[in-house]
N, C-alpha and C. Protein backbone atom coordinates (compact mmCIF):
# COMPACT_ATOMS: atom_id res chain seq x y z
N UNK A 1 -4.59 -2.76 -21.84
CA UNK A 1 -5.24 -3.57 -22.84
C UNK A 1 -6.10 -2.63 -23.69
N UNK A 2 -5.93 -2.73 -24.98
CA UNK A 2 -6.60 -1.81 -25.89
C UNK A 2 -7.87 -2.36 -26.51
N UNK A 3 -7.94 -3.65 -26.69
CA UNK A 3 -9.08 -4.26 -27.36
C UNK A 3 -10.29 -4.28 -26.43
N UNK A 4 -11.33 -3.56 -26.83
CA UNK A 4 -12.53 -3.44 -26.00
C UNK A 4 -13.22 -4.79 -25.81
N UNK A 5 -13.25 -5.61 -26.86
CA UNK A 5 -13.88 -6.92 -26.76
C UNK A 5 -13.13 -7.82 -25.78
N UNK A 6 -11.81 -7.78 -25.81
CA UNK A 6 -11.02 -8.55 -24.85
C UNK A 6 -11.31 -8.09 -23.43
N UNK A 7 -11.36 -6.79 -23.23
CA UNK A 7 -11.67 -6.26 -21.90
C UNK A 7 -13.03 -6.75 -21.41
N UNK A 8 -13.98 -6.71 -22.30
CA UNK A 8 -15.34 -7.15 -21.96
C UNK A 8 -15.37 -8.63 -21.60
N UNK A 9 -14.70 -9.46 -22.40
CA UNK A 9 -14.65 -10.90 -22.15
C UNK A 9 -13.95 -11.21 -20.83
N UNK A 10 -12.85 -10.56 -20.58
CA UNK A 10 -12.10 -10.80 -19.34
C UNK A 10 -12.92 -10.34 -18.14
N UNK A 11 -13.53 -9.17 -18.26
CA UNK A 11 -14.36 -8.67 -17.16
C UNK A 11 -15.52 -9.61 -16.88
N UNK A 12 -16.11 -10.13 -17.93
CA UNK A 12 -17.21 -11.08 -17.77
C UNK A 12 -16.76 -12.33 -17.02
N UNK A 13 -15.60 -12.86 -17.39
CA UNK A 13 -15.07 -14.04 -16.71
C UNK A 13 -14.72 -13.74 -15.25
N UNK A 14 -14.16 -12.57 -15.01
CA UNK A 14 -13.84 -12.18 -13.63
C UNK A 14 -15.10 -12.03 -12.80
N UNK A 15 -16.15 -11.49 -13.39
CA UNK A 15 -17.42 -11.36 -12.68
C UNK A 15 -17.99 -12.73 -12.33
N UNK A 16 -17.88 -13.67 -13.26
CA UNK A 16 -18.35 -15.03 -13.00
C UNK A 16 -17.52 -15.68 -11.89
N UNK A 17 -16.23 -15.49 -11.95
CA UNK A 17 -15.35 -16.00 -10.91
C UNK A 17 -15.71 -15.39 -9.56
N UNK A 18 -15.99 -14.11 -9.55
CA UNK A 18 -16.36 -13.41 -8.32
C UNK A 18 -17.67 -13.98 -7.74
N UNK A 19 -18.64 -14.28 -8.60
CA UNK A 19 -19.89 -14.89 -8.13
C UNK A 19 -19.63 -16.26 -7.51
N UNK A 20 -18.75 -17.03 -8.14
CA UNK A 20 -18.43 -18.35 -7.59
C UNK A 20 -17.70 -18.24 -6.26
N UNK A 21 -16.83 -17.26 -6.13
CA UNK A 21 -16.13 -17.04 -4.87
C UNK A 21 -17.13 -16.64 -3.79
N UNK A 22 -18.09 -15.79 -4.15
CA UNK A 22 -19.12 -15.39 -3.18
C UNK A 22 -19.93 -16.60 -2.73
N UNK A 23 -20.23 -17.49 -3.64
CA UNK A 23 -20.96 -18.71 -3.29
C UNK A 23 -20.11 -19.58 -2.36
N UNK A 24 -18.82 -19.65 -2.62
CA UNK A 24 -17.91 -20.40 -1.75
C UNK A 24 -17.90 -19.81 -0.34
N UNK A 25 -17.96 -18.48 -0.25
CA UNK A 25 -18.01 -17.83 1.06
C UNK A 25 -19.27 -18.23 1.81
N UNK A 26 -20.39 -18.35 1.10
CA UNK A 26 -21.64 -18.78 1.73
C UNK A 26 -21.50 -20.19 2.28
N UNK A 27 -20.93 -21.09 1.50
CA UNK A 27 -20.73 -22.46 1.96
C UNK A 27 -19.79 -22.50 3.16
N UNK A 28 -18.77 -21.70 3.13
CA UNK A 28 -17.82 -21.65 4.24
C UNK A 28 -18.50 -21.15 5.51
N UNK A 29 -19.36 -20.16 5.38
CA UNK A 29 -20.10 -19.65 6.54
C UNK A 29 -20.99 -20.74 7.13
N UNK A 30 -21.62 -21.51 6.25
CA UNK A 30 -22.46 -22.61 6.72
C UNK A 30 -21.62 -23.65 7.47
N UNK A 31 -20.44 -23.94 6.96
CA UNK A 31 -19.54 -24.88 7.65
C UNK A 31 -19.14 -24.34 9.02
N UNK A 32 -18.85 -23.05 9.08
CA UNK A 32 -18.45 -22.45 10.35
C UNK A 32 -19.57 -22.55 11.38
N UNK A 33 -20.81 -22.36 10.93
CA UNK A 33 -21.94 -22.48 11.86
C UNK A 33 -22.09 -23.91 12.36
N UNK A 34 -21.82 -24.88 11.50
CA UNK A 34 -21.90 -26.27 11.92
C UNK A 34 -20.82 -26.63 12.93
N UNK A 35 -19.76 -25.86 12.96
CA UNK A 35 -18.64 -26.13 13.87
C UNK A 35 -18.90 -25.66 15.30
N UNK A 36 -20.01 -24.95 15.51
CA UNK A 36 -20.31 -24.42 16.84
C UNK A 36 -21.37 -25.30 17.49
N UNK A 37 -21.10 -25.71 18.73
CA UNK A 37 -22.03 -26.52 19.50
C UNK A 37 -23.26 -25.69 19.86
N UNK A 38 -24.43 -26.20 19.57
CA UNK A 38 -25.67 -25.46 19.85
C UNK A 38 -25.91 -25.27 21.35
N UNK A 39 -25.43 -26.18 22.16
CA UNK A 39 -25.72 -26.13 23.59
C UNK A 39 -24.91 -25.08 24.34
N UNK A 40 -23.65 -24.94 24.01
CA UNK A 40 -22.82 -24.02 24.80
C UNK A 40 -22.06 -23.00 23.95
N UNK A 41 -22.27 -23.00 22.67
CA UNK A 41 -21.63 -22.00 21.80
C UNK A 41 -20.13 -22.18 21.63
N UNK A 42 -19.61 -23.32 22.00
CA UNK A 42 -18.17 -23.58 21.84
C UNK A 42 -17.90 -24.31 20.54
N UNK A 43 -16.66 -24.17 20.09
CA UNK A 43 -16.25 -24.86 18.87
C UNK A 43 -16.19 -26.37 19.12
N UNK A 44 -16.65 -27.13 18.15
CA UNK A 44 -16.62 -28.58 18.26
C UNK A 44 -15.22 -29.13 18.04
N UNK A 45 -14.47 -28.51 17.16
CA UNK A 45 -13.12 -28.98 16.83
C UNK A 45 -12.26 -27.77 16.48
N UNK A 46 -11.37 -27.40 17.40
CA UNK A 46 -10.55 -26.21 17.22
C UNK A 46 -9.61 -26.35 16.02
N UNK A 47 -9.03 -27.51 15.84
CA UNK A 47 -8.11 -27.73 14.72
C UNK A 47 -8.80 -27.54 13.38
N UNK A 48 -9.97 -28.13 13.25
CA UNK A 48 -10.73 -27.99 12.01
C UNK A 48 -11.18 -26.55 11.82
N UNK A 49 -11.52 -25.90 12.90
CA UNK A 49 -11.92 -24.50 12.84
C UNK A 49 -10.77 -23.63 12.34
N UNK A 50 -9.56 -23.93 12.79
CA UNK A 50 -8.39 -23.19 12.32
C UNK A 50 -8.17 -23.39 10.82
N UNK A 51 -8.37 -24.60 10.36
CA UNK A 51 -8.23 -24.89 8.93
C UNK A 51 -9.29 -24.13 8.12
N UNK A 52 -10.51 -24.07 8.65
CA UNK A 52 -11.56 -23.32 7.97
C UNK A 52 -11.23 -21.83 7.93
N UNK A 53 -10.61 -21.33 8.99
CA UNK A 53 -10.22 -19.92 9.01
C UNK A 53 -9.14 -19.65 7.96
N UNK A 54 -8.21 -20.57 7.81
CA UNK A 54 -7.18 -20.41 6.77
C UNK A 54 -7.82 -20.42 5.38
N UNK A 55 -8.80 -21.29 5.20
CA UNK A 55 -9.52 -21.33 3.92
C UNK A 55 -10.27 -20.02 3.69
N UNK A 56 -10.88 -19.50 4.74
CA UNK A 56 -11.58 -18.22 4.65
C UNK A 56 -10.61 -17.11 4.26
N UNK A 57 -9.43 -17.11 4.86
CA UNK A 57 -8.42 -16.10 4.52
C UNK A 57 -7.99 -16.22 3.06
N UNK A 58 -7.83 -17.45 2.58
CA UNK A 58 -7.43 -17.66 1.19
C UNK A 58 -8.52 -17.17 0.23
N UNK A 59 -9.76 -17.44 0.56
CA UNK A 59 -10.87 -16.99 -0.29
C UNK A 59 -10.95 -15.47 -0.29
N UNK A 60 -10.73 -14.85 0.86
CA UNK A 60 -10.71 -13.38 0.92
C UNK A 60 -9.59 -12.81 0.06
N UNK A 61 -8.45 -13.47 0.08
CA UNK A 61 -7.33 -13.05 -0.75
C UNK A 61 -7.68 -13.14 -2.24
N UNK A 62 -8.36 -14.20 -2.62
CA UNK A 62 -8.78 -14.36 -4.01
C UNK A 62 -9.73 -13.23 -4.39
N UNK A 63 -10.65 -12.90 -3.51
CA UNK A 63 -11.59 -11.80 -3.78
C UNK A 63 -10.86 -10.49 -4.02
N UNK A 64 -9.88 -10.22 -3.19
CA UNK A 64 -9.10 -8.99 -3.34
C UNK A 64 -8.33 -9.00 -4.66
N UNK A 65 -7.77 -10.14 -5.02
CA UNK A 65 -7.03 -10.25 -6.28
C UNK A 65 -7.94 -10.05 -7.49
N UNK A 66 -9.14 -10.58 -7.42
CA UNK A 66 -10.10 -10.38 -8.51
C UNK A 66 -10.40 -8.90 -8.66
N UNK A 67 -10.64 -8.23 -7.54
CA UNK A 67 -10.95 -6.80 -7.59
C UNK A 67 -9.77 -6.01 -8.15
N UNK A 68 -8.57 -6.39 -7.77
CA UNK A 68 -7.37 -5.72 -8.30
C UNK A 68 -7.30 -5.87 -9.82
N UNK A 69 -7.54 -7.08 -10.30
CA UNK A 69 -7.53 -7.32 -11.75
C UNK A 69 -8.60 -6.50 -12.46
N UNK A 70 -9.79 -6.45 -11.88
CA UNK A 70 -10.87 -5.67 -12.49
C UNK A 70 -10.50 -4.19 -12.54
N UNK A 71 -9.88 -3.69 -11.49
CA UNK A 71 -9.47 -2.29 -11.47
C UNK A 71 -8.41 -2.01 -12.54
N UNK A 72 -7.48 -2.94 -12.73
CA UNK A 72 -6.44 -2.76 -13.75
C UNK A 72 -7.02 -2.77 -15.15
N UNK A 73 -8.02 -3.58 -15.36
CA UNK A 73 -8.65 -3.63 -16.68
C UNK A 73 -9.39 -2.33 -16.97
N UNK A 74 -10.01 -1.76 -15.95
CA UNK A 74 -10.79 -0.53 -16.12
C UNK A 74 -9.92 0.70 -16.36
N UNK A 75 -8.64 0.61 -16.01
CA UNK A 75 -7.78 1.79 -16.18
C UNK A 75 -7.05 1.78 -17.50
């Protein structure tokens, strides 16, 4: 991409997306903590915990993709 303004605008949007993804990770961590029983440290619902893990994996994948896009724009 040759247009500096386009690069700047896209990078800005990717940075905003990255901040939102980071916020989503915080919410997901809070959900994971709620899934653990305070008394014995066991999961309250294994099935739901597995779904949360899949969501966590998807969010991590999005983060990696954002970083890849940012790297391509910088080169």
